[in-house]
Amino acid sequence: VQLVESGGGLVQAGGSLRLSCAASGRTFSNYHMGWFRQAPGKEREFVAAVSWNVRDTFYADSVKGRFTISRDNAENTVYLQMSSLKPEDTAVYYCAAGAKGVITRATMYDYWGQGTLVTVSS
């Protein structure tokens, strides 16, 4: 699976952004999809995930109520709608695809995009 993220940029605190991740190469609907992020000097962390069948979504406590993950299996795309952004949300955001394992753990994911930078100014 090839994954390409887009939609990152610079936004003021309190603003919104929508990230997209377009997938190609294999059957998108077979995979759970996740978003992770990595801030400078920090480890990569889980943000949100959606199951292959769209039934289940998962969120890190830090983004719950502010971010929404969704997917369109017909368009082979997963989205991350981010609202009420805070400076601490600044990071490179990665989407990932995986088939088996704990959906909130990076080790479950076999395929990763190149990342898109989100910068939130105060």
C-alpha atoms as a PDB file:
ATOM      1  CA  VAL A   1       0.000   0.000   0.000  1.00  0.00           C
ATOM      2  CA  GLN A   2       1.293   3.425  -0.926  1.00  0.00           C
ATOM      3  CA  LEU A   3       0.057   6.266   1.262  1.00  0.00           C
ATOM      4  CA  VAL A   4       0.262   9.970   0.491  1.00  0.00           C
ATOM      5  CA  GLU A   5      -0.792  12.565   3.053  1.00  0.00           C
ATOM      6  CA  SER A   6      -1.856  16.098   2.275  1.00  0.00           C
ATOM      7  CA  GLY A   7      -3.537  19.035   3.946  1.00  0.00           C
ATOM      8  CA  GLY A   8      -0.936  20.109   6.450  1.00  0.00           C
ATOM      9  CA  GLY A   9       0.062  23.720   6.927  1.00  0.00           C
ATOM     10  CA  LEU A  10       0.220  26.653   9.275  1.00  0.00           C
ATOM     11  CA  VAL A  11      -2.854  27.547  11.305  1.00  0.00           C
ATOM     12  CA  GLN A  12      -3.545  29.729  14.292  1.00  0.00           C
ATOM     13  CA  ALA A  13      -4.544  28.259  17.626  1.00  0.00           C
ATOM     14  CA  GLY A  14      -8.269  27.554  17.648  1.00  0.00           C
ATOM     15  CA  GLY A  15      -8.347  26.957  13.932  1.00  0.00           C
ATOM     16  CA  SER A  16      -9.064  23.844  11.892  1.00  0.00           C
ATOM     17  CA  LEU A  17      -7.382  21.702   9.278  1.00  0.00           C
ATOM     18  CA  ARG A  18      -8.360  18.559   7.432  1.00  0.00           C
ATOM     19  CA  LEU A  19      -5.694  16.045   6.572  1.00  0.00           C
ATOM     20  CA  SER A  20      -6.180  13.528   3.799  1.00  0.00           C
ATOM     21  CA  CYS A  21      -4.370  10.294   3.090  1.00  0.00           C
ATOM     22  CA  ALA A  22      -4.783   8.697  -0.318  1.00  0.00           C
ATOM     23  CA  ALA A  23      -4.001   5.010  -0.615  1.00  0.00           C
ATOM     24  CA  SER A  24      -3.117   2.926  -3.619  1.00  0.00           C
ATOM     25  CA  GLY A  25      -1.652  -0.427  -4.470  1.00  0.00           C
ATOM     26  CA  ARG A  26      -3.748  -2.887  -2.474  1.00  0.00           C
ATOM     27  CA  THR A  27      -7.320  -3.271  -1.340  1.00  0.00           C
ATOM     28  CA  PHE A  28      -7.764  -0.288   0.928  1.00  0.00           C
ATOM     29  CA  SER A  29     -10.830  -1.674   2.661  1.00  0.00           C
ATOM     30  CA  ASN A  30      -8.832  -4.619   4.009  1.00  0.00           C
ATOM     31  CA  TYR A  31      -6.821  -2.375   6.281  1.00  0.00           C
ATOM     32  CA  HIS A  32      -7.319  -0.535   9.510  1.00  0.00           C
ATOM     33  CA  MET A  33      -6.122   3.025   9.099  1.00  0.00           C
ATOM     34  CA  GLY A  34      -4.425   5.195  11.667  1.00  0.00           C
ATOM     35  CA  TRP A  35      -2.996   8.652  12.154  1.00  0.00           C
ATOM     36  CA  PHE A  36       0.119   9.204  14.218  1.00  0.00           C
ATOM     37  CA  ARG A  37       2.175  12.297  14.866  1.00  0.00           C
ATOM     38  CA  GLN A  38       5.699  13.158  15.856  1.00  0.00           C
ATOM     39  CA  ALA A  39       6.684  16.471  17.352  1.00  0.00           C
ATOM     40  CA  PRO A  40      10.302  17.689  17.325  1.00  0.00           C
ATOM     41  CA  GLY A  41      12.330  15.834  19.913  1.00  0.00           C
ATOM     42  CA  LYS A  42       9.481  13.509  20.813  1.00  0.00           C
ATOM     43  CA  GLU A  43       8.505   9.985  19.973  1.00  0.00           C
ATOM     44  CA  ARG A  44       5.816   9.170  17.459  1.00  0.00           C
ATOM     45  CA  GLU A  45       2.427   8.942  19.143  1.00  0.00           C
ATOM     46  CA  PHE A  46      -0.973   7.574  18.287  1.00  0.00           C
ATOM     47  CA  VAL A  47      -3.640  10.114  17.320  1.00  0.00           C
ATOM     48  CA  ALA A  48      -6.636   8.280  15.868  1.00  0.00           C
ATOM     49  CA  ALA A  49      -7.626   5.120  14.047  1.00  0.00           C
ATOM     50  CA  VAL A  50     -10.581   3.674  12.176  1.00  0.00           C
ATOM     51  CA  SER A  51     -11.293   0.003  11.591  1.00  0.00           C
ATOM     52  CA  TRP A  52     -11.392  -1.509   8.136  1.00  0.00           C
ATOM     53  CA  ASN A  53     -15.205  -1.684   8.177  1.00  0.00           C
ATOM     54  CA  VAL A  54     -15.653   1.856   9.542  1.00  0.00           C
ATOM     55  CA  ARG A  55     -17.477   0.536  12.586  1.00  0.00           C
ATOM     56  CA  ASP A  56     -14.947   1.511  15.207  1.00  0.00           C
ATOM     57  CA  THR A  57     -12.915   4.636  15.813  1.00  0.00           C
ATOM     58  CA  PHE A  58     -10.273   5.274  18.420  1.00  0.00           C
ATOM     59  CA  TYR A  59      -8.704   8.484  19.690  1.00  0.00           C
ATOM     60  CA  ALA A  60      -5.879   9.562  21.906  1.00  0.00           C
ATOM     61  CA  ASP A  61      -7.156  11.338  24.998  1.00  0.00           C
ATOM     62  CA  SER A  62      -5.313  14.473  23.940  1.00  0.00           C
ATOM     63  CA  VAL A  63      -7.404  14.869  20.778  1.00  0.00           C
ATOM     64  CA  LYS A  64     -10.723  13.351  21.811  1.00  0.00           C
ATOM     65  CA  GLY A  65     -13.568  15.754  21.108  1.00  0.00           C
ATOM     66  CA  ARG A  66     -11.413  17.890  18.800  1.00  0.00           C
ATOM     67  CA  PHE A  67     -10.322  15.484  16.038  1.00  0.00           C
ATOM     68  CA  THR A  68     -12.457  13.209  13.898  1.00  0.00           C
ATOM     69  CA  ILE A  69     -11.174  10.351  11.778  1.00  0.00           C
ATOM     70  CA  SER A  70     -13.155   9.084   8.823  1.00  0.00           C
ATOM     71  CA  ARG A  71     -12.584   7.010   5.746  1.00  0.00           C
ATOM     72  CA  ASP A  72     -14.106   6.604   2.319  1.00  0.00           C
ATOM     73  CA  ASN A  73     -13.429   3.104   1.086  1.00  0.00           C
ATOM     74  CA  ALA A  74     -14.801   3.944  -2.348  1.00  0.00           C
ATOM     75  CA  GLU A  75     -12.232   6.738  -2.670  1.00  0.00           C
ATOM     76  CA  ASN A  76      -9.397   4.892  -0.898  1.00  0.00           C
ATOM     77  CA  THR A  77      -8.931   7.844   1.394  1.00  0.00           C
ATOM     78  CA  VAL A  78      -8.790   8.436   5.121  1.00  0.00           C
ATOM     79  CA  TYR A  79      -9.283  11.843   6.673  1.00  0.00           C
ATOM     80  CA  LEU A  80      -8.434  13.552   9.912  1.00  0.00           C
ATOM     81  CA  GLN A  81     -10.554  16.590  10.676  1.00  0.00           C
ATOM     82  CA  MET A  82      -8.785  18.666  13.303  1.00  0.00           C
ATOM     83  CA  SER A  83     -10.548  21.448  15.161  1.00  0.00           C
ATOM     84  CA  SER A  84      -9.747  23.687  18.118  1.00  0.00           C
ATOM     85  CA  LEU A  85      -6.090  23.234  17.326  1.00  0.00           C
ATOM     86  CA  LYS A  86      -3.514  23.961  19.978  1.00  0.00           C
ATOM     87  CA  PRO A  87       0.198  24.767  19.683  1.00  0.00           C
ATOM     88  CA  GLU A  88       0.938  21.365  21.213  1.00  0.00           C
ATOM     89  CA  ASP A  89      -0.692  19.742  18.170  1.00  0.00           C
ATOM     90  CA  THR A  90       2.268  20.920  16.106  1.00  0.00           C
ATOM     91  CA  ALA A  91       3.898  17.851  14.586  1.00  0.00           C
ATOM     92  CA  VAL A  92       4.443  15.845  11.461  1.00  0.00           C
ATOM     93  CA  TYR A  93       1.326  13.759  10.941  1.00  0.00           C
ATOM     94  CA  TYR A  94       1.579  10.313   9.390  1.00  0.00           C
ATOM     95  CA  CYS A  95      -1.114   8.008   8.152  1.00  0.00           C
ATOM     96  CA  ALA A  96      -0.605   4.274   8.320  1.00  0.00           C
ATOM     97  CA  ALA A  97      -2.267   1.058   7.210  1.00  0.00           C
ATOM     98  CA  GLY A  98      -2.272  -2.241   9.026  1.00  0.00           C
ATOM     99  CA  ALA A  99      -4.227  -5.461   9.079  1.00  0.00           C
ATOM    100  CA  LYS A 100      -3.683  -7.254  12.376  1.00  0.00           C
ATOM    101  CA  GLY A 101      -2.875  -6.253  15.918  1.00  0.00           C
ATOM    102  CA  VAL A 102      -3.670  -3.529  18.410  1.00  0.00           C
ATOM    103  CA  ILE A 103      -5.020  -0.665  16.363  1.00  0.00           C
ATOM    104  CA  THR A 104      -3.602   2.038  18.645  1.00  0.00           C
ATOM    105  CA  ARG A 105      -0.029   0.767  18.471  1.00  0.00           C
ATOM    106  CA  ALA A 106       2.400   1.785  15.769  1.00  0.00           C
ATOM    107  CA  THR A 107       3.740  -1.762  15.625  1.00  0.00           C
ATOM    108  CA  MET A 108       0.491  -2.946  14.066  1.00  0.00           C
ATOM    109  CA  TYR A 109       0.962  -0.848  10.967  1.00  0.00           C
ATOM    110  CA  ASP A 110       2.826  -2.167   7.975  1.00  0.00           C
ATOM    111  CA  TYR A 111       2.627   0.817   5.649  1.00  0.00           C
ATOM    112  CA  TRP A 112       3.336   4.474   6.341  1.00  0.00           C
ATOM    113  CA  GLY A 113       3.077   7.700   4.437  1.00  0.00           C
ATOM    114  CA  GLN A 114       5.810  10.307   4.246  1.00  0.00           C
ATOM    115  CA  GLY A 115       4.061  12.676   6.630  1.00  0.00           C
ATOM    116  CA  THR A 116       2.611  16.159   6.447  1.00  0.00           C
ATOM    117  CA  LEU A 117       3.613  19.011   8.730  1.00  0.00           C
ATOM    118  CA  VAL A 118       1.024  20.775  10.861  1.00  0.00           C
ATOM    119  CA  THR A 119       2.137  23.928  12.631  1.00  0.00           C
ATOM    120  CA  VAL A 120      -0.171  25.653  15.099  1.00  0.00           C
ATOM    121  CA  SER A 121       0.832  29.152  16.105  1.00  0.00           C
ATOM    122  CA  SER A 122      -0.177  30.714  19.403  1.00  0.00           C
END
